[in-house]
Every structure is written in C-alpha cells, then in structure tokens.
Protein backbone atom coordinates (compact mmCIF):
# COMPACT_ATOMS: atom_id res chain seq x y z
CA MET A 1 -1.72 -7.23 -26.07
CA SER A 2 -5.47 -7.03 -27.82
CA ALA A 3 -8.32 -5.98 -25.98
CA ASN A 4 -9.78 -9.71 -25.54
CA ASP A 5 -6.80 -10.52 -24.56
CA SER A 6 -6.22 -7.89 -21.57
CA VAL A 7 -9.76 -9.53 -20.51
CA ASP A 8 -8.78 -12.86 -20.38
CA VAL A 9 -5.23 -11.53 -18.39
CA HIS A 10 -7.43 -9.91 -16.09
CA GLU A 11 -9.72 -12.58 -15.47
CA ARG A 12 -6.86 -14.90 -15.04
CA VAL A 13 -5.49 -12.92 -12.76
CA LYS A 14 -8.33 -12.67 -10.42
CA LYS A 15 -9.13 -16.17 -10.24
CA TYR A 16 -5.37 -16.50 -9.02
CA TYR A 17 -5.40 -13.75 -6.11
CA GLY A 18 -8.94 -13.96 -5.35
CA CYS A 19 -9.03 -17.75 -5.09
CA ARG A 20 -6.01 -19.72 -5.67
CA LEU A 21 -3.58 -17.96 -3.69
CA GLU A 22 -4.78 -17.65 0.29
CA SER A 23 -1.29 -16.51 1.71
CA SER A 24 2.11 -14.77 0.06
CA CYS A 25 3.30 -18.32 1.38
CA ASP A 26 1.45 -19.80 -1.90
CA LEU A 27 3.70 -17.58 -4.14
CA GLN A 28 6.52 -19.62 -5.83
CA THR A 29 9.07 -16.61 -5.88
CA SER A 30 10.66 -14.65 -3.44
CA ALA A 31 8.83 -11.44 -4.89
CA ALA A 32 6.79 -11.01 -1.57
CA SER A 33 9.74 -10.27 0.35
CA CYS A 34 10.94 -6.66 0.47
CA SER A 35 13.72 -5.04 -2.09
CA LEU A 36 15.87 -4.72 -0.05
CA SER A 37 17.40 -0.81 0.69
CA PHE A 38 20.19 1.51 1.38
CA ARG A 39 18.47 3.03 4.34
CA THR A 40 16.63 1.53 7.55
CA THR A 41 12.85 1.69 7.64
CA PRO A 42 11.84 4.69 10.10
CA LYS A 43 10.33 3.51 12.82
CA SER A 44 7.18 5.09 11.99
CA VAL A 45 6.29 2.76 8.77
CA VAL A 46 7.56 -0.19 11.24
CA ASP A 47 5.06 0.58 13.81
CA ALA A 48 2.30 1.26 10.73
CA LEU A 49 2.99 -2.09 9.66
CA SER A 50 2.91 -3.49 12.91
CA LEU A 51 -0.60 -2.35 13.71
CA VAL A 52 -2.39 -4.08 10.32
CA HIS A 53 -4.70 -6.53 11.26
CA PRO A 54 -3.40 -10.06 10.66
CA GLU A 55 -5.47 -11.02 8.97
CA VAL A 56 -4.65 -8.30 6.01
CA THR A 57 -0.94 -9.07 6.22
CA GLN A 58 -1.51 -12.96 5.90
CA ARG A 59 -2.64 -11.83 2.33
CA PHE A 60 -0.21 -9.55 0.95
CA PHE A 61 1.58 -10.70 -1.69
CA GLY A 62 4.18 -7.18 -3.01
CA CYS A 63 7.68 -7.03 -3.68
CA GLY A 64 8.66 -3.90 -1.84
CA LEU A 65 7.90 -1.01 0.86
CA PRO A 66 6.58 1.48 -1.16
CA VAL A 67 6.22 4.30 1.83
CA PRO A 68 7.69 7.22 0.66
CA GLU A 69 8.61 10.31 2.94
CA LYS A 70 6.57 13.27 4.29
CA LEU A 71 3.18 12.39 4.10
CA GLU A 72 0.89 13.96 6.60
CA GLY A 73 -1.80 15.03 5.46
CA CYS A 74 -1.27 13.56 2.19
CA ARG A 75 -4.24 11.83 -0.39
CA VAL A 76 -2.71 8.51 -1.74
CA LEU A 77 -4.00 6.13 -3.82
CA ASP A 78 -2.81 2.31 -4.07
CA LEU A 79 -2.73 0.84 -7.64
CA GLY A 80 -3.49 -2.78 -6.86
CA SER A 81 -4.46 -2.61 -3.12
CA GLY A 82 -4.93 -6.40 -3.00
CA SER A 83 -5.61 -7.36 1.01
CA GLY A 84 -5.09 -3.72 1.96
CA ARG A 85 -2.05 -4.17 3.84
CA ASP A 86 -0.25 -1.45 2.30
CA CYS A 87 -3.06 1.38 2.60
CA TYR A 88 -3.86 0.72 6.22
CA ALA A 89 -0.18 1.55 6.72
CA LEU A 90 -0.40 4.73 4.72
CA SER A 91 -3.89 5.19 6.77
CA LYS A 92 -2.21 5.31 9.99
CA LEU A 93 0.84 7.71 8.32
CA VAL A 94 -1.24 10.03 6.48
CA GLY A 95 -2.34 11.01 9.44
CA GLN A 96 -6.55 12.03 10.21
CA ARG A 97 -6.18 14.87 7.65
CA GLY A 98 -4.84 12.84 5.15
CA HIS A 99 -6.64 9.97 2.67
CA VAL A 100 -5.94 6.73 1.40
CA THR A 101 -7.54 4.87 -1.53
CA GLY A 102 -7.06 1.18 -2.68
CA ILE A 103 -8.47 0.41 -5.79
CA ASP A 104 -8.38 -3.44 -6.82
CA MET A 105 -10.23 -5.36 -9.83
CA THR A 106 -10.80 -8.56 -8.13
CA GLU A 107 -13.89 -8.37 -5.76
CA GLU A 108 -12.60 -11.21 -3.58
CA LEU A 109 -9.92 -8.63 -2.16
CA ILE A 110 -11.64 -5.43 -1.98
CA GLN A 111 -14.38 -7.32 0.45
CA ALA A 112 -11.81 -8.53 2.25
CA SER A 113 -9.85 -5.15 3.37
CA CYS A 114 -13.16 -3.27 3.74
CA LYS A 115 -13.79 -5.45 6.44
CA HIS A 116 -11.40 -3.89 8.48
CA ILE A 117 -11.60 -0.61 7.83
CA GLU A 118 -13.57 0.22 11.20
CA TYR A 119 -10.96 -1.94 12.71
CA HIS A 120 -8.08 0.97 11.77
CA GLN A 121 -9.72 3.35 12.45
CA LYS A 122 -10.48 2.60 15.72
CA LYS A 123 -7.03 1.67 16.24
CA PHE A 124 -5.40 4.92 14.97
CA GLY A 125 -7.74 6.98 17.27
CA TYR A 126 -9.29 8.73 14.11
CA ASP A 127 -13.10 10.12 14.65
CA GLU A 128 -13.79 9.12 10.57
CA PRO A 129 -12.27 6.51 8.95
CA ASN A 130 -9.41 7.94 5.83
CA THR A 131 -9.58 4.53 4.55
CA SER A 132 -11.49 3.50 1.13
CA PHE A 133 -11.72 0.78 -1.05
CA VAL A 134 -13.10 0.26 -4.61
CA GLN A 135 -13.19 -2.11 -7.14
CA GLY A 136 -11.48 -1.18 -10.93
CA TYR A 137 -8.79 -1.71 -13.34
CA MET A 138 -5.84 0.24 -12.99
CA GLU A 139 -6.20 1.40 -16.45
CA LYS A 140 -9.30 2.85 -15.89
CA LEU A 141 -9.14 5.07 -13.08
CA SER A 142 -11.86 7.62 -14.46
CA GLU A 143 -13.96 4.80 -14.30
CA ALA A 144 -13.55 4.11 -10.65
CA GLY A 145 -13.99 7.32 -9.88
CA ILE A 146 -10.88 9.30 -9.37
CA LYS A 147 -10.46 12.29 -10.80
CA ASN A 148 -7.69 13.99 -12.57
CA ASP A 149 -5.27 15.89 -10.48
CA SER A 150 -6.69 14.75 -7.22
CA MET A 151 -4.01 12.84 -6.04
CA ASP A 152 -0.48 13.83 -3.77
CA ILE A 153 0.74 10.75 -4.21
CA VAL A 154 0.10 7.18 -6.17
CA VAL A 155 1.47 4.14 -4.81
CA SER A 156 1.66 0.27 -5.92
CA ASN A 157 3.39 -2.59 -4.71
CA CYS A 158 4.11 -5.39 -7.25
CA VAL A 159 0.99 -5.52 -9.78
CA ILE A 160 1.90 -3.45 -12.46
CA CYS A 161 3.90 -6.37 -13.58
CA LEU A 162 0.03 -7.72 -13.80
CA CYS A 163 -1.07 -5.80 -15.73
CA PRO A 164 -1.04 -5.88 -19.87
CA ASP A 165 -1.07 -2.22 -20.36
CA LYS A 166 1.48 -0.84 -18.69
CA ARG A 167 1.41 2.25 -20.41
CA ALA A 168 -2.35 2.89 -19.70
CA VAL A 169 -1.41 2.27 -15.90
CA LEU A 170 1.24 5.18 -16.19
CA GLN A 171 -1.01 7.20 -18.54
CA GLU A 172 -3.91 6.95 -15.91
CA ALA A 173 -1.18 7.28 -12.56
CA TYR A 174 -0.20 10.66 -14.41
CA ARG A 175 -3.65 12.14 -15.13
CA VAL A 176 -4.60 11.64 -11.52
CA LEU A 177 -1.71 13.22 -10.15
CA LYS A 178 -1.41 16.60 -8.60
CA GLU A 179 1.09 19.05 -10.15
CA GLY A 180 4.28 17.83 -8.61
CA GLY A 181 2.69 14.75 -7.25
CA GLU A 182 4.81 11.24 -7.23
CA LEU A 183 4.07 7.94 -8.46
CA TYR A 184 5.93 6.04 -5.95
CA PHE A 185 5.72 1.50 -6.43
CA SER A 186 7.60 -1.69 -6.38
CA ASP A 187 7.46 -3.91 -9.18
CA MET A 188 8.89 -6.89 -11.03
CA TYR A 189 11.46 -6.50 -14.05
CA ALA A 190 13.25 -8.77 -16.75
CA SER A 191 16.51 -8.44 -17.93
CA LYS A 192 15.66 -8.48 -21.20
CA VAL A 193 12.52 -8.47 -22.79
CA VAL A 194 10.02 -11.90 -22.20
CA PRO A 195 8.68 -13.20 -25.46
CA ASP A 196 5.54 -13.70 -26.36
CA HIS A 197 5.16 -17.18 -25.70
CA LEU A 198 5.92 -16.80 -22.00
CA LYS A 199 3.22 -13.90 -21.48
CA GLN A 200 0.35 -16.71 -22.61
CA ASP A 201 1.13 -19.23 -19.37
CA PRO A 202 -0.93 -18.55 -16.68
CA VAL A 203 1.23 -19.13 -13.60
CA LEU A 204 3.94 -16.89 -14.99
CA TRP A 205 1.97 -14.07 -15.58
CA GLY A 206 0.32 -14.54 -11.73
CA GLU A 207 3.58 -14.64 -10.56
CA GLY A 208 4.58 -11.49 -12.15
CA MET A 209 7.32 -13.23 -14.31
CA GLY A 210 5.14 -13.23 -17.93
CA GLY A 211 4.11 -9.77 -17.38
CA SER A 212 7.80 -8.46 -16.55
CA GLN A 213 8.79 -5.60 -18.32
CA PHE A 214 12.53 -5.00 -19.44
CA TRP A 215 13.98 -2.11 -17.17
CA ARG A 216 14.74 -0.18 -19.82
CA ASP A 217 11.75 -0.21 -21.17
CA PHE A 218 10.02 1.13 -18.52
CA ILE A 219 12.31 3.83 -18.06
CA SER A 220 11.70 5.11 -21.75
CA LEU A 221 7.86 4.71 -20.74
CA ALA A 222 7.22 6.83 -18.19
CA GLU A 223 9.42 9.08 -19.56
CA LEU A 224 6.99 8.98 -22.68
CA VAL A 225 3.81 9.56 -20.60
CA GLY A 226 5.39 12.66 -19.39
CA PHE A 227 7.09 11.61 -15.78
CA SER A 228 10.51 12.89 -14.87
CA THR A 229 13.33 10.46 -15.00
CA PRO A 230 12.98 7.61 -12.23
CA HIS A 231 14.55 7.73 -9.40
CA LEU A 232 16.07 3.86 -8.11
CA VAL A 233 15.51 3.49 -4.71
CA SER A 234 15.96 0.27 -4.02
CA ALA A 235 16.43 -3.52 -5.93
CA SER A 236 16.88 -6.65 -4.94
CA HIS A 237 17.51 -10.16 -6.77
CA ILE A 238 14.05 -12.61 -7.09
CA VAL A 239 14.68 -15.96 -6.76
CA VAL A 240 12.47 -18.45 -8.59
CA HIS A 241 11.67 -21.60 -6.47
CA ASN A 242 9.53 -23.73 -8.57
CA CYS A 243 11.87 -25.70 -10.84
CA GLU A 244 9.01 -25.75 -13.82
CA LEU A 245 8.60 -22.12 -13.51
CA LYS A 246 12.40 -21.45 -13.82
CA ALA A 247 12.98 -23.71 -16.42
CA LYS A 248 10.13 -22.08 -18.77
CA ALA A 249 12.13 -18.64 -17.84
CA GLY A 250 15.25 -19.72 -19.48
CA ASP A 251 18.18 -17.03 -19.33
CA ILE A 252 15.58 -14.14 -18.29
CA SER A 253 16.58 -13.08 -14.92
CA TYR A 254 13.98 -10.99 -12.46
CA ALA A 255 14.54 -8.08 -10.07
CA SER A 256 12.18 -6.22 -7.84
CA GLY A 257 12.67 -2.76 -8.02
CA THR A 258 11.35 0.85 -6.44
CA TYR A 259 11.26 3.78 -8.06
CA ARG A 260 10.06 7.21 -7.77
CA LEU A 261 8.60 9.44 -10.75
CA PHE A 262 7.41 13.02 -10.76
CA LYS A 263 4.57 14.88 -12.12
CA LEU A 264 6.79 18.43 -12.82
CA PRO A 265 4.55 21.17 -13.42
CA LYS A 266 4.06 21.80 -17.68
CA LYS A 267 5.21 25.26 -17.14
CA HIS A 268 8.00 24.72 -14.86
CA PRO A 269 11.65 26.45 -15.86
CA VAL A 270 13.79 25.76 -18.04
CA LEU A 271 15.95 23.09 -16.47
CA SER A 272 19.19 24.02 -14.72
CA LYS A 273 21.82 22.69 -12.38
CA ALA A 274 21.23 23.83 -9.13
CA THR A 275 23.54 23.88 -5.46
CA VAL A 276 20.54 22.61 -2.88
CA THR A 277 20.71 22.27 1.20
CA TYR A 278 18.46 19.68 3.42
CA LYS A 279 17.23 21.69 6.01
CA GLY A 280 16.43 19.03 8.85
CA THR A 281 13.28 19.23 8.62
CA VAL A 282 11.18 16.12 7.18
CA ALA A 283 9.95 14.07 9.81
CA ASP A 284 11.63 10.93 10.87
CA TYR A 285 15.10 11.99 9.02
CA PRO A 286 16.42 14.98 10.66
CA ASP A 287 20.00 14.33 9.90
CA GLU A 288 20.33 13.68 6.08
CA ILE A 289 17.05 12.01 3.69
CA GLU A 290 18.56 9.69 1.06
CA PHE A 291 16.22 10.61 -1.69
CA ASP A 292 17.06 7.15 -3.99
CA SER A 293 19.94 5.06 -4.58
CA THR A 294 22.33 7.76 -5.79
CA HIS A 295 20.98 11.16 -4.01
CA ARG A 296 21.85 11.78 -0.30
CA PHE A 297 21.26 15.39 1.06
CA LYS A 298 22.79 15.14 4.86
CA LYS A 299 21.70 18.70 6.68
CA ASP A 300 22.68 22.25 6.09
CA LEU A 301 25.81 20.35 3.43
CA ALA A 302 25.31 22.34 0.33
CA VAL A 303 25.17 19.56 -3.08
CA ASP A 304 25.32 20.28 -6.76
CA VAL A 305 22.44 18.42 -8.28
CA GLU A 306 21.37 18.02 -12.19
CA GLY A 307 18.49 20.13 -13.07
CA GLU A 308 16.00 18.04 -13.34
CA MET A 309 16.65 16.87 -9.72
CA ALA A 310 16.22 20.47 -9.01
CA ALA A 311 13.15 21.15 -10.59
CA VAL A 312 11.71 17.83 -8.66
CA LEU A 313 13.05 19.53 -5.61
CA LEU A 314 11.48 22.91 -6.13
CA SER A 315 8.26 21.58 -7.81
CA SER A 316 7.05 18.91 -5.09
CA ARG A 317 5.89 19.01 -1.63
CA PHE A 318 9.52 18.75 -0.59
CA SER A 319 10.49 22.03 -2.02
CA PRO A 320 9.57 23.51 1.85
CA ASP A 321 12.81 21.52 3.10
CA PHE A 322 15.25 22.78 1.27
CA GLU A 323 17.06 25.88 -0.13
CA ILE A 324 17.39 26.21 -3.44
CA GLN A 325 20.18 28.14 -5.83
CA THR A 326 20.18 28.05 -9.36
CA LEU A 327 23.36 27.15 -11.60
CA GLY A 328 24.31 27.27 -15.00
CA PRO A 329 22.34 25.59 -17.71
CA GLU A 330 22.72 21.64 -17.89
CA GLN A 331 24.37 19.79 -19.64
CA SER A 332 23.29 16.87 -21.68
CA SER A 333 24.43 13.49 -20.42
CA SER A 334 24.06 10.36 -22.62
CA SER A 335 21.52 8.05 -22.37
CA THR A 336 23.88 5.25 -21.44
CA GLN A 337 25.20 7.44 -18.12
CA GLN A 338 21.90 8.22 -17.94
CA TYR A 339 19.97 4.89 -17.41
CA CYS A 340 23.13 3.28 -15.80
CA HIS A 341 22.46 3.92 -12.40
CA LEU A 342 18.52 3.45 -12.46
CA ASN A 343 19.48 -0.47 -13.48
CA PRO A 344 17.64 -2.32 -10.60
CA PHE A 345 20.20 -6.08 -11.28
CA LEU A 346 23.15 -3.96 -11.02
CA LEU A 347 22.39 -1.83 -7.63
CA ALA A 348 20.96 -5.60 -6.41
CA ASP A 349 24.21 -6.97 -7.00
CA LYS A 350 26.08 -3.49 -5.04
CA LEU A 351 23.72 -4.38 -2.02
CA GLY A 352 24.08 -7.90 -2.45
CA SER A 353 20.45 -8.26 -2.14
CA SER A 354 19.46 -11.79 -3.82
CA VAL A 355 16.71 -13.10 -1.76
CA LYS A 356 16.85 -16.15 -0.52
CA GLN A 357 13.94 -18.56 0.97
CA CYS A 358 12.26 -22.21 0.79
CA SER A 359 9.74 -22.58 -1.68
CA LYS A 360 6.37 -20.62 -0.80
CA THR A 361 4.12 -23.58 -1.82
CA GLY A 362 5.22 -25.87 0.63
CA GLN A 363 4.24 -28.74 -1.60
CA SER A 364 7.31 -28.75 -4.16
CA LYS A 365 10.08 -29.49 -3.83
CA GLY A 366 13.35 -27.30 -4.70
CA CYS A 367 16.01 -27.03 -7.71
CA SER A 368 19.28 -29.69 -6.96
CA ALA A 369 21.91 -28.27 -6.84
C-alpha cells in the first residue's frame, strides 16, 4: 500500500470512529464482544473495569480483553487507545508505581479520554495521575515521543486491523519494548487473504474486515520482525450482522484472537528444552496460571516445555515465578505442527465461542435464515 493510500485509510478511520460511531452499538459486527477464553477473568480485572467512567465505556470499540498477568509497577503502552477504557482499567492494575500511556490518531477520542484523567486518579486514590494520552500513529511511535526500550508491556485492542502497515506497527512495538517485554493484544483475523478490492471499501475497513490479516501471515510477520513465536490466548468467531457487508465478504470468515508475543534478549542462550515449576506467586493465580491455550502451569508441578517457552519464562517478568531447569537440545518441529495450535478459528471452534448478537445499529435488519 502506498504512502498516499495509507494517509487515505487513516483519514477514513478517523472519520469512522471519531464522528460516525457514537458507541460500540453502532458497529456492524460482533467484534466489540470479548473473545472468549478458557480461563476466568480475575476479580481484580473485573473490579478495575467496573470503576471506569461510564462515558469512557460507552465508546469502547475493542474485540477482546488485552489484560495480561503481573502488571503491578509496569510501564504499559496501549496502541489505538480509543476512548481510554483499557488504559484506565490498566492504570488501576499497574498501581501508583506503574504508568499507562495511550496513543490514538483520532483527536476526538484523545480529547474524550483526557477528560477523565483526574476522575480516575481520584477514584483509584492515587497522589498523581499515572495515565497519559498522546495523539499519533502506532506505525510512528517515535514521532509521538515513545522511546526505545521504554515499555514493559504493549497492549492493543482490535485496532491493528485498522492500520494499513502491519509490519511497521509490529516493528515499532518491538522497538519500544524492553528486552523480555511483551506485546499482548487482541485483533481481528481473516480465514484467508483479503483481496485488494475489499480493502478499498471504507465501511469494511472501518469494521476491521477489510484490513484483517490472514492469521498465518500474522504469525510469519511477527517472527520476521523479531518476536518470539506468538502464543494464542483466546479466540471467538465474529458474526457479521449487516447483510450487505456479509455478502461482500463472501467466503471469508473472521475471528477475534488474543495473542502474546515476547521480545527475547538478543543474546539469549541457545534454546533448549526445560522443566519448569510454577511457584504460585503471581497475584490472582495462587494455584495455577494458564499462560495461553496450550500451556497451563499448576503450582509445584514440574512441566516439560519447549526451548522457546523456557526462554520466554526465563527472560520475562515471569522469571521469579518459575523454577527452570534446562534439559537436552531442542528438536525442530514442522511449521504445520507449530501453526496448528495458533489458529484462532480452530480455538474458537474448540471453545464453542461464536459470538451471536442482534444488529448493533438498531436500524439495519438482520439477514433471514
């Protein structure tokens, strides 16, 4: 996509989310419903979300719940922060010592977010605000003043699909993360490559359908940028309510998926299999921690893991929470085996998580069966 095309896409998205949409109820898909997970949302997260100002929650357009574990004291960046719902929930979870920065390209949403900084500071009992918002582009974080190696965690909630240059987004996220840092985000994915003519439709793009990546392409791109192999946390099928948009999409299906990726140290040791034992020390997870859809660690129970998983635990903020004993050298596995458990459509099938809702516009009629 050319630079001019990218500018056009940005302007269309600004208008779509800044002016046209007043709330998530105006969306034409079920994307604003959280992707379903195999694990229960911790009470601390539920409580944090319940404290967010109602006006902020009303203009929430995300498709998941990008809230990883062990946030206390972390510096977090939210890409495409929108109304600020996730930022404010995260600001409660990182505590007074942590900080959350939200970046969004839409002036109206930044203004709406900033209105409630003092409200949440007082609501959480903080001496100073620990949340800030900047207007800018997630493909150009340096222009917004986000420095190299400055963030512990980068999150995003169903906005990368709205960006024309996915590679630039991932590269920038990788740049601003500290070594051992994590990109934890929800987004929309397509069951196959979306053809160019669908990418030109402004409503399809605004709904995330035109810009959704084929999920396999995302896995390859993430590894190309330098991240660890993504870990699939949760997924749901996305239902398209609008009959016209559904017809345009044809045989392309959509799913929301939450992935977590890590920036491993450049000089990390040669990957080798390991036995890891969870100590039960992560807040909200005293008995077990479900790291993703395929890794569950119970307290005091030794588990064998592949080399990259061991490297993630060893180099990330989770290192103090695990005893890690390396074993023999890692045996390579085929890409088919690697990718199978990362398919959001298969996980959504497994979880039975097809989100079904009535039309969100309140105006358009549903498709007849």
